[in-house]
């Protein structure tokens, strides 16, 4: 077979890098991070630096069922509170969505919602968030499913 007959090699997608400075940006970030898995120990609040960093295993919806290690970071953080999150440092948490509730412009509350009903609230002076992929992708063992999809079938 000649080289002309061979299919061109697919270029792997570039690592994801997102910035969020407003609620619309954060919704895009939320969609990219849906079904990410992390543990409470992966959430680091550096109070003196006013920063929260979260390491997570991101499900790559855009890559057809792979996972990648990623980091999400929020700046200008004033406070962090959790509600109904497991206290075990190694307990897996599945991120469902991220929302922004404006309080006093440009500040507000970033709400990370997890499966099982728990959430993490990050109060920010202004929305300053970044997400970036950190590793090579690997095949996901299981693709996430959602109740709305399961009930529609």
N, C-alpha and C. Protein backbone atom coordinates (compact mmCIF):
# COMPACT_ATOMS: atom_id res chain seq x y z
N UNK A 1 0.84 -1.16 0.00
CA UNK A 1 0.00 0.00 0.00
C UNK A 1 0.90 1.23 0.00
N UNK A 2 0.56 2.20 -0.81
CA UNK A 2 1.36 3.43 -0.86
C UNK A 2 0.96 4.36 0.28
N UNK A 3 1.82 5.31 0.54
CA UNK A 3 1.53 6.27 1.62
C UNK A 3 0.33 7.14 1.26
N UNK A 4 0.01 7.27 -0.01
CA UNK A 4 -1.15 8.06 -0.42
C UNK A 4 -2.45 7.39 -0.01
N UNK A 5 -2.45 6.04 0.11
CA UNK A 5 -3.65 5.29 0.46
C UNK A 5 -3.91 5.26 1.96
N UNK A 6 -2.94 5.61 2.76
CA UNK A 6 -3.10 5.56 4.21
C UNK A 6 -3.87 6.78 4.70
N UNK A 7 -4.71 6.54 5.72
CA UNK A 7 -5.46 7.64 6.32
C UNK A 7 -4.48 8.54 7.08
N UNK A 8 -4.73 9.84 7.04
CA UNK A 8 -3.83 10.73 7.78
C UNK A 8 -3.94 10.45 9.28
N UNK A 9 -2.81 10.58 9.94
CA UNK A 9 -2.79 10.34 11.38
C UNK A 9 -3.58 11.44 12.08
N UNK A 10 -4.38 11.04 13.07
CA UNK A 10 -5.16 12.02 13.82
C UNK A 10 -4.26 12.73 14.81
N UNK A 11 -4.40 14.02 14.86
CA UNK A 11 -3.65 14.82 15.83
C UNK A 11 -4.42 14.79 17.14
N UNK A 12 -3.77 14.42 18.23
CA UNK A 12 -4.49 14.41 19.50
C UNK A 12 -4.93 15.83 19.87
N UNK A 13 -6.07 15.94 20.53
CA UNK A 13 -6.54 17.28 20.92
C UNK A 13 -5.53 17.94 21.86
N UNK A 14 -5.45 19.24 21.74
CA UNK A 14 -4.56 20.01 22.63
C UNK A 14 -5.09 19.94 24.05
N UNK A 15 -4.21 20.05 25.03
CA UNK A 15 -4.67 20.08 26.43
C UNK A 15 -5.65 21.24 26.64
N UNK A 16 -6.64 20.99 27.46
CA UNK A 16 -7.65 22.00 27.76
C UNK A 16 -7.06 23.08 28.66
N UNK A 17 -7.33 24.33 28.32
CA UNK A 17 -6.95 25.47 29.13
C UNK A 17 -8.09 26.48 29.05
N UNK A 18 -8.73 26.74 30.19
CA UNK A 18 -9.87 27.66 30.23
C UNK A 18 -9.67 28.71 31.31
N UNK A 19 -10.16 29.91 31.04
CA UNK A 19 -10.18 30.99 32.01
C UNK A 19 -11.63 31.42 32.20
N UNK A 20 -12.01 31.77 33.42
CA UNK A 20 -13.36 32.26 33.68
C UNK A 20 -13.27 33.56 34.46
N UNK A 21 -13.87 34.61 33.88
CA UNK A 21 -13.91 35.91 34.54
C UNK A 21 -15.34 36.37 34.78
N UNK A 22 -16.32 35.59 34.27
CA UNK A 22 -17.72 35.92 34.51
C UNK A 22 -18.55 34.64 34.53
N UNK A 23 -19.83 34.76 34.82
CA UNK A 23 -20.70 33.60 34.97
C UNK A 23 -20.81 32.79 33.68
N UNK A 24 -20.81 33.45 32.53
CA UNK A 24 -20.88 32.73 31.25
C UNK A 24 -19.63 31.87 31.04
N UNK A 25 -18.47 32.43 31.33
CA UNK A 25 -17.22 31.66 31.23
C UNK A 25 -17.27 30.45 32.16
N UNK A 26 -17.80 30.66 33.36
CA UNK A 26 -17.84 29.58 34.35
C UNK A 26 -18.76 28.45 33.89
N UNK A 27 -19.82 28.75 33.13
CA UNK A 27 -20.69 27.71 32.62
C UNK A 27 -19.96 26.82 31.61
N UNK A 28 -19.10 27.41 30.82
CA UNK A 28 -18.28 26.62 29.88
C UNK A 28 -17.33 25.72 30.66
N UNK A 29 -16.73 26.27 31.71
CA UNK A 29 -15.83 25.50 32.56
C UNK A 29 -16.60 24.36 33.22
N UNK A 30 -17.81 24.64 33.68
CA UNK A 30 -18.65 23.63 34.32
C UNK A 30 -18.92 22.45 33.37
N UNK A 31 -19.25 22.77 32.12
CA UNK A 31 -19.52 21.71 31.14
C UNK A 31 -18.28 20.85 30.89
N UNK A 32 -17.12 21.48 30.83
CA UNK A 32 -15.87 20.74 30.60
C UNK A 32 -15.49 19.86 31.78
N UNK A 33 -15.92 20.26 32.98
CA UNK A 33 -15.54 19.51 34.19
C UNK A 33 -16.63 18.57 34.69
N UNK A 34 -17.76 18.53 34.02
CA UNK A 34 -18.83 17.62 34.45
C UNK A 34 -18.30 16.19 34.52
N UNK A 35 -18.61 15.52 35.61
CA UNK A 35 -18.21 14.13 35.86
C UNK A 35 -16.73 13.96 36.22
N UNK A 36 -16.07 15.05 36.59
CA UNK A 36 -14.71 14.93 37.12
C UNK A 36 -14.77 14.26 38.48
N UNK A 37 -13.70 13.57 38.82
CA UNK A 37 -13.62 12.88 40.10
C UNK A 37 -12.45 13.47 40.89
N UNK A 38 -12.71 13.73 42.17
CA UNK A 38 -11.68 14.23 43.06
C UNK A 38 -11.95 13.70 44.45
N UNK A 39 -11.07 14.01 45.38
CA UNK A 39 -11.23 13.61 46.78
C UNK A 39 -11.12 14.87 47.63
N UNK A 40 -11.68 14.87 48.83
CA UNK A 40 -11.54 16.05 49.69
C UNK A 40 -10.08 16.48 49.88
N UNK A 41 -9.16 15.54 49.93
CA UNK A 41 -7.75 15.87 50.11
C UNK A 41 -7.18 16.63 48.89
N UNK A 42 -7.88 16.57 47.75
CA UNK A 42 -7.43 17.26 46.54
C UNK A 42 -7.83 18.73 46.51
N UNK A 43 -8.58 19.18 47.52
CA UNK A 43 -9.03 20.57 47.61
C UNK A 43 -8.09 21.29 48.59
N UNK A 44 -7.36 22.26 48.09
CA UNK A 44 -6.38 22.97 48.91
C UNK A 44 -6.73 24.46 48.94
N UNK A 45 -7.01 24.95 50.14
CA UNK A 45 -7.26 26.38 50.32
C UNK A 45 -6.05 27.01 50.98
N UNK A 46 -5.40 27.89 50.25
CA UNK A 46 -4.26 28.65 50.77
C UNK A 46 -4.81 30.01 51.20
N UNK A 47 -5.24 30.08 52.46
CA UNK A 47 -5.92 31.27 52.96
C UNK A 47 -5.08 32.53 52.81
N UNK A 48 -3.81 32.48 53.16
CA UNK A 48 -2.96 33.68 53.07
C UNK A 48 -2.75 34.12 51.62
N UNK A 49 -2.77 33.20 50.69
CA UNK A 49 -2.61 33.52 49.27
C UNK A 49 -3.95 33.82 48.60
N UNK A 50 -5.06 33.60 49.36
CA UNK A 50 -6.42 33.82 48.85
C UNK A 50 -6.68 33.01 47.58
N UNK A 51 -6.33 31.70 47.65
CA UNK A 51 -6.42 30.85 46.47
C UNK A 51 -6.89 29.46 46.87
N UNK A 52 -7.75 28.87 46.01
CA UNK A 52 -8.19 27.48 46.16
C UNK A 52 -7.75 26.74 44.91
N UNK A 53 -7.06 25.62 45.12
CA UNK A 53 -6.62 24.78 44.00
C UNK A 53 -7.21 23.39 44.20
N UNK A 54 -7.75 22.83 43.11
CA UNK A 54 -8.38 21.52 43.17
C UNK A 54 -7.79 20.65 42.06
N UNK A 55 -7.23 19.51 42.45
CA UNK A 55 -6.74 18.52 41.48
C UNK A 55 -7.89 17.55 41.21
N UNK A 56 -8.07 17.17 39.95
CA UNK A 56 -9.16 16.26 39.61
C UNK A 56 -8.85 15.42 38.39
N UNK A 57 -9.58 14.33 38.29
CA UNK A 57 -9.53 13.47 37.11
C UNK A 57 -10.71 13.87 36.23
N UNK A 58 -10.41 14.55 35.13
CA UNK A 58 -11.46 15.09 34.25
C UNK A 58 -11.86 14.08 33.19
N UNK A 59 -13.17 13.86 33.06
CA UNK A 59 -13.67 13.04 31.96
C UNK A 59 -13.69 13.91 30.72
N UNK A 60 -13.00 13.47 29.68
CA UNK A 60 -12.85 14.28 28.45
C UNK A 60 -14.00 13.98 27.49
N UNK A 61 -15.09 14.68 27.65
CA UNK A 61 -16.23 14.50 26.75
C UNK A 61 -15.82 14.80 25.32
N UNK A 62 -14.93 15.75 25.12
CA UNK A 62 -14.53 16.17 23.78
C UNK A 62 -13.58 15.17 23.12
N UNK A 63 -13.07 14.19 23.87
CA UNK A 63 -12.08 13.25 23.33
C UNK A 63 -12.62 11.83 23.22
N UNK A 64 -13.90 11.63 23.40
CA UNK A 64 -14.47 10.31 23.21
C UNK A 64 -14.16 9.31 24.31
N UNK A 65 -14.30 9.71 25.55
CA UNK A 65 -14.22 8.74 26.64
C UNK A 65 -12.85 8.48 27.21
N UNK A 66 -12.07 9.52 27.38
CA UNK A 66 -10.79 9.37 28.06
C UNK A 66 -10.83 10.23 29.33
N UNK A 67 -9.83 10.07 30.16
CA UNK A 67 -9.67 10.90 31.35
C UNK A 67 -8.29 11.55 31.31
N UNK A 68 -8.15 12.63 32.06
CA UNK A 68 -6.89 13.35 32.15
C UNK A 68 -6.83 14.00 33.53
N UNK A 69 -5.65 14.08 34.11
CA UNK A 69 -5.48 14.82 35.35
C UNK A 69 -5.51 16.31 34.99
N UNK A 70 -6.24 17.07 35.79
CA UNK A 70 -6.38 18.51 35.55
C UNK A 70 -6.35 19.23 36.89
N UNK A 71 -6.20 20.54 36.81
CA UNK A 71 -6.26 21.37 38.00
C UNK A 71 -7.17 22.56 37.73
N UNK A 72 -7.91 22.93 38.76
CA UNK A 72 -8.78 24.10 38.71
C UNK A 72 -8.33 25.00 39.85
N UNK A 73 -8.23 26.30 39.57
CA UNK A 73 -7.78 27.22 40.61
C UNK A 73 -8.65 28.48 40.60
N UNK A 74 -9.00 28.93 41.81
CA UNK A 74 -9.76 30.16 41.99
C UNK A 74 -8.89 31.14 42.76
N UNK A 75 -8.84 32.39 42.28
CA UNK A 75 -8.11 33.43 42.97
C UNK A 75 -9.07 34.39 43.66
N UNK A 76 -8.53 35.30 44.44
CA UNK A 76 -9.30 36.31 45.17
C UNK A 76 -10.36 35.68 46.08
N UNK A 77 -10.00 34.56 46.71
CA UNK A 77 -10.93 33.82 47.57
C UNK A 77 -11.00 34.47 48.96
N UNK A 78 -12.22 34.68 49.42
CA UNK A 78 -12.44 35.27 50.74
C UNK A 78 -12.80 34.21 51.78
N UNK A 79 -13.54 33.18 51.37
CA UNK A 79 -13.97 32.13 52.31
C UNK A 79 -14.30 30.87 51.53
N UNK A 80 -14.22 29.72 52.21
CA UNK A 80 -14.57 28.42 51.63
C UNK A 80 -15.42 27.68 52.65
N UNK A 81 -16.54 27.15 52.20
CA UNK A 81 -17.43 26.39 53.08
C UNK A 81 -17.94 25.17 52.34
N UNK A 82 -18.15 24.09 53.09
CA UNK A 82 -18.71 22.88 52.48
C UNK A 82 -19.99 22.51 53.21
N UNK A 83 -20.84 21.80 52.48
CA UNK A 83 -22.09 21.32 53.05
C UNK A 83 -22.32 19.90 52.55
N UNK A 84 -22.50 18.99 53.49
CA UNK A 84 -22.79 17.57 53.22
C UNK A 84 -21.73 16.89 52.34
N UNK A 85 -20.49 17.31 52.45
CA UNK A 85 -19.41 16.60 51.76
C UNK A 85 -18.81 15.59 52.73
N UNK A 86 -18.43 14.42 52.23
CA UNK A 86 -17.81 13.42 53.11
C UNK A 86 -16.54 13.98 53.74
N UNK A 87 -16.28 13.59 54.96
CA UNK A 87 -15.10 14.07 55.68
C UNK A 87 -13.87 13.20 55.45
N UNK A 88 -14.06 11.98 54.97
CA UNK A 88 -12.91 11.11 54.71
C UNK A 88 -12.06 11.70 53.61
N UNK A 89 -10.76 11.91 53.84
CA UNK A 89 -9.91 12.59 52.86
C UNK A 89 -9.78 11.86 51.53
N UNK A 90 -9.99 10.55 51.53
CA UNK A 90 -9.84 9.77 50.29
C UNK A 90 -11.17 9.41 49.63
N UNK A 91 -12.29 9.88 50.17
CA UNK A 91 -13.61 9.56 49.63
C UNK A 91 -13.77 10.19 48.24
N UNK A 92 -14.12 9.40 47.22
CA UNK A 92 -14.28 9.99 45.88
C UNK A 92 -15.53 10.88 45.82
N UNK A 93 -15.35 12.02 45.15
CA UNK A 93 -16.43 12.97 44.90
C UNK A 93 -16.59 13.13 43.40
N UNK A 94 -17.83 13.12 42.92
CA UNK A 94 -18.09 13.33 41.50
C UNK A 94 -18.69 14.70 41.30
N UNK A 95 -17.99 15.55 40.56
CA UNK A 95 -18.44 16.92 40.30
C UNK A 95 -19.53 16.90 39.24
N UNK A 96 -20.68 17.47 39.57
CA UNK A 96 -21.79 17.52 38.62
C UNK A 96 -21.84 18.85 37.87
N UNK A 97 -21.67 19.95 38.58
CA UNK A 97 -21.79 21.26 37.94
C UNK A 97 -21.14 22.32 38.81
N UNK A 98 -20.90 23.47 38.19
CA UNK A 98 -20.38 24.65 38.88
C UNK A 98 -21.29 25.82 38.53
N UNK A 99 -21.66 26.59 39.54
CA UNK A 99 -22.54 27.73 39.30
C UNK A 99 -21.95 28.97 39.99
N UNK A 100 -22.40 30.13 39.57
CA UNK A 100 -21.94 31.39 40.16
C UNK A 100 -23.15 32.20 40.60
N UNK A 101 -23.14 32.61 41.87
CA UNK A 101 -24.19 33.47 42.41
C UNK A 101 -23.57 34.83 42.70
N UNK A 102 -23.91 35.84 41.90
CA UNK A 102 -23.35 37.17 42.17
C UNK A 102 -23.87 37.69 43.51
N UNK A 103 -23.00 38.38 44.25
CA UNK A 103 -23.40 38.96 45.53
C UNK A 103 -23.22 40.47 45.44
N UNK A 104 -21.99 40.92 45.54
CA UNK A 104 -21.68 42.33 45.39
C UNK A 104 -20.70 42.45 44.24
N UNK A 105 -21.14 43.00 43.11
CA UNK A 105 -20.35 43.05 41.90
C UNK A 105 -18.96 43.62 42.19
N UNK A 106 -17.90 42.98 41.74
CA UNK A 106 -17.83 41.82 40.87
C UNK A 106 -17.76 40.49 41.62
N UNK A 107 -17.99 40.50 42.91
CA UNK A 107 -17.83 39.29 43.72
C UNK A 107 -19.06 38.41 43.71
N UNK A 108 -18.90 37.27 44.35
CA UNK A 108 -20.02 36.33 44.44
C UNK A 108 -19.58 35.02 45.05
N UNK A 109 -20.43 34.02 44.82
CA UNK A 109 -20.18 32.68 45.34
C UNK A 109 -20.09 31.69 44.18
N UNK A 110 -19.01 30.96 44.16
CA UNK A 110 -18.86 29.85 43.23
C UNK A 110 -19.35 28.62 43.98
N UNK A 111 -20.29 27.89 43.40
CA UNK A 111 -20.85 26.70 44.03
C UNK A 111 -20.47 25.48 43.19
N UNK A 112 -19.71 24.56 43.78
CA UNK A 112 -19.40 23.30 43.13
C UNK A 112 -20.36 22.26 43.70
N UNK A 113 -21.18 21.66 42.82
CA UNK A 113 -22.19 20.70 43.24
C UNK A 113 -21.73 19.28 42.91
N UNK A 114 -21.88 18.38 43.91
CA UNK A 114 -21.39 17.02 43.77
C UNK A 114 -22.54 16.02 43.83
N UNK A 115 -22.32 14.85 43.23
CA UNK A 115 -23.28 13.75 43.32
C UNK A 115 -23.50 13.44 44.79
N UNK A 116 -24.73 13.13 45.15
CA UNK A 116 -25.05 12.83 46.54
C UNK A 116 -25.54 14.05 47.30
N UNK A 117 -25.55 15.22 46.66
CA UNK A 117 -26.14 16.40 47.27
C UNK A 117 -25.19 17.32 48.00
N UNK A 118 -23.91 17.01 48.10
CA UNK A 118 -22.98 17.89 48.78
C UNK A 118 -22.53 19.02 47.87
N UNK A 119 -22.05 20.10 48.48
CA UNK A 119 -21.50 21.18 47.67
C UNK A 119 -20.38 21.90 48.41
N UNK A 120 -19.61 22.62 47.62
CA UNK A 120 -18.51 23.42 48.13
C UNK A 120 -18.76 24.85 47.66
N UNK A 121 -18.76 25.80 48.60
CA UNK A 121 -18.99 27.20 48.26
C UNK A 121 -17.68 27.96 48.43
N UNK A 122 -17.31 28.68 47.38
CA UNK A 122 -16.10 29.48 47.39
C UNK A 122 -16.52 30.93 47.19
N UNK A 123 -16.38 31.74 48.23
CA UNK A 123 -16.71 33.16 48.13
C UNK A 123 -15.52 33.90 47.55
N UNK A 124 -15.77 34.65 46.46
CA UNK A 124 -14.70 35.34 45.77
C UNK A 124 -14.96 36.84 45.69
N UNK A 125 -13.88 37.60 45.77
CA UNK A 125 -13.97 39.05 45.62
C UNK A 125 -14.34 39.41 44.19
N UNK A 126 -13.79 38.65 43.25
CA UNK A 126 -14.15 38.73 41.84
C UNK A 126 -13.87 37.35 41.24
N UNK A 127 -14.55 37.02 40.16
CA UNK A 127 -14.38 35.69 39.57
C UNK A 127 -13.08 35.65 38.78
N UNK A 128 -12.20 34.78 39.21
CA UNK A 128 -10.88 34.61 38.61
C UNK A 128 -10.56 33.12 38.70
N UNK A 129 -10.94 32.36 37.66
CA UNK A 129 -10.76 30.91 37.70
C UNK A 129 -10.01 30.43 36.46
N UNK A 130 -9.26 29.35 36.64
CA UNK A 130 -8.52 28.75 35.54
C UNK A 130 -8.59 27.24 35.69
N UNK A 131 -8.66 26.55 34.55
CA UNK A 131 -8.59 25.09 34.49
C UNK A 131 -7.56 24.73 33.44
N UNK A 132 -6.73 23.75 33.75
CA UNK A 132 -5.76 23.28 32.76
C UNK A 132 -5.53 21.78 32.92
N UNK A 133 -5.38 21.10 31.80
CA UNK A 133 -5.00 19.69 31.83
C UNK A 133 -3.53 19.58 32.19
N UNK A 134 -3.19 18.52 32.95
CA UNK A 134 -1.82 18.36 33.44
C UNK A 134 -1.11 17.12 32.93
N UNK A 135 -1.86 16.14 32.42
CA UNK A 135 -1.23 14.85 32.07
C UNK A 135 -1.66 14.41 30.68
N UNK A 136 -1.09 13.29 30.28
CA UNK A 136 -1.56 12.64 29.06
C UNK A 136 -2.92 12.00 29.35
N UNK A 137 -3.72 11.79 28.34
CA UNK A 137 -5.03 11.15 28.51
C UNK A 137 -4.86 9.64 28.60
N UNK A 138 -5.81 9.00 29.30
CA UNK A 138 -5.85 7.54 29.37
C UNK A 138 -7.29 7.10 29.18
N UNK A 139 -7.51 5.86 28.71
CA UNK A 139 -8.88 5.38 28.50
C UNK A 139 -9.65 5.33 29.82
N UNK A 140 -10.85 5.85 29.80
CA UNK A 140 -11.72 5.78 30.98
C UNK A 140 -12.24 4.36 31.12
N UNK A 141 -12.28 3.86 32.35
CA UNK A 141 -12.79 2.51 32.58
C UNK A 141 -14.29 2.45 32.35
N UNK A 142 -14.99 3.52 32.75
CA UNK A 142 -16.44 3.57 32.62
C UNK A 142 -16.83 4.97 32.19
N UNK A 143 -17.74 5.07 31.24
CA UNK A 143 -18.26 6.38 30.85
C UNK A 143 -19.36 6.77 31.82
N UNK A 144 -19.41 8.03 32.25
CA UNK A 144 -20.45 8.47 33.16
C UNK A 144 -21.84 8.34 32.52
N UNK A 145 -22.83 8.05 33.34
CA UNK A 145 -24.22 8.05 32.89
C UNK A 145 -24.99 9.02 33.75
N UNK A 146 -26.10 9.49 33.23
CA UNK A 146 -26.90 10.47 33.95
C UNK A 146 -28.34 9.99 34.03
N UNK A 147 -29.00 10.29 35.15
CA UNK A 147 -30.37 9.82 35.37
C UNK A 147 -31.31 10.26 34.26
N UNK A 148 -31.18 11.50 33.77
CA UNK A 148 -32.06 11.98 32.71
C UNK A 148 -31.90 11.14 31.46
N UNK A 149 -30.66 10.75 31.14
CA UNK A 149 -30.43 9.90 29.97
C UNK A 149 -31.00 8.51 30.21
N UNK A 150 -30.81 7.97 31.41
CA UNK A 150 -31.27 6.61 31.71
C UNK A 150 -32.80 6.55 31.68
N UNK A 151 -33.48 7.58 32.16
CA UNK A 151 -34.95 7.54 32.19
C UNK A 151 -35.53 7.79 30.81
N UNK A 152 -34.77 8.41 29.90
CA UNK A 152 -35.27 8.68 28.56
C UNK A 152 -35.27 7.42 27.69
N UNK A 153 -34.46 6.44 28.07
CA UNK A 153 -34.36 5.23 27.24
C UNK A 153 -35.47 4.26 27.47
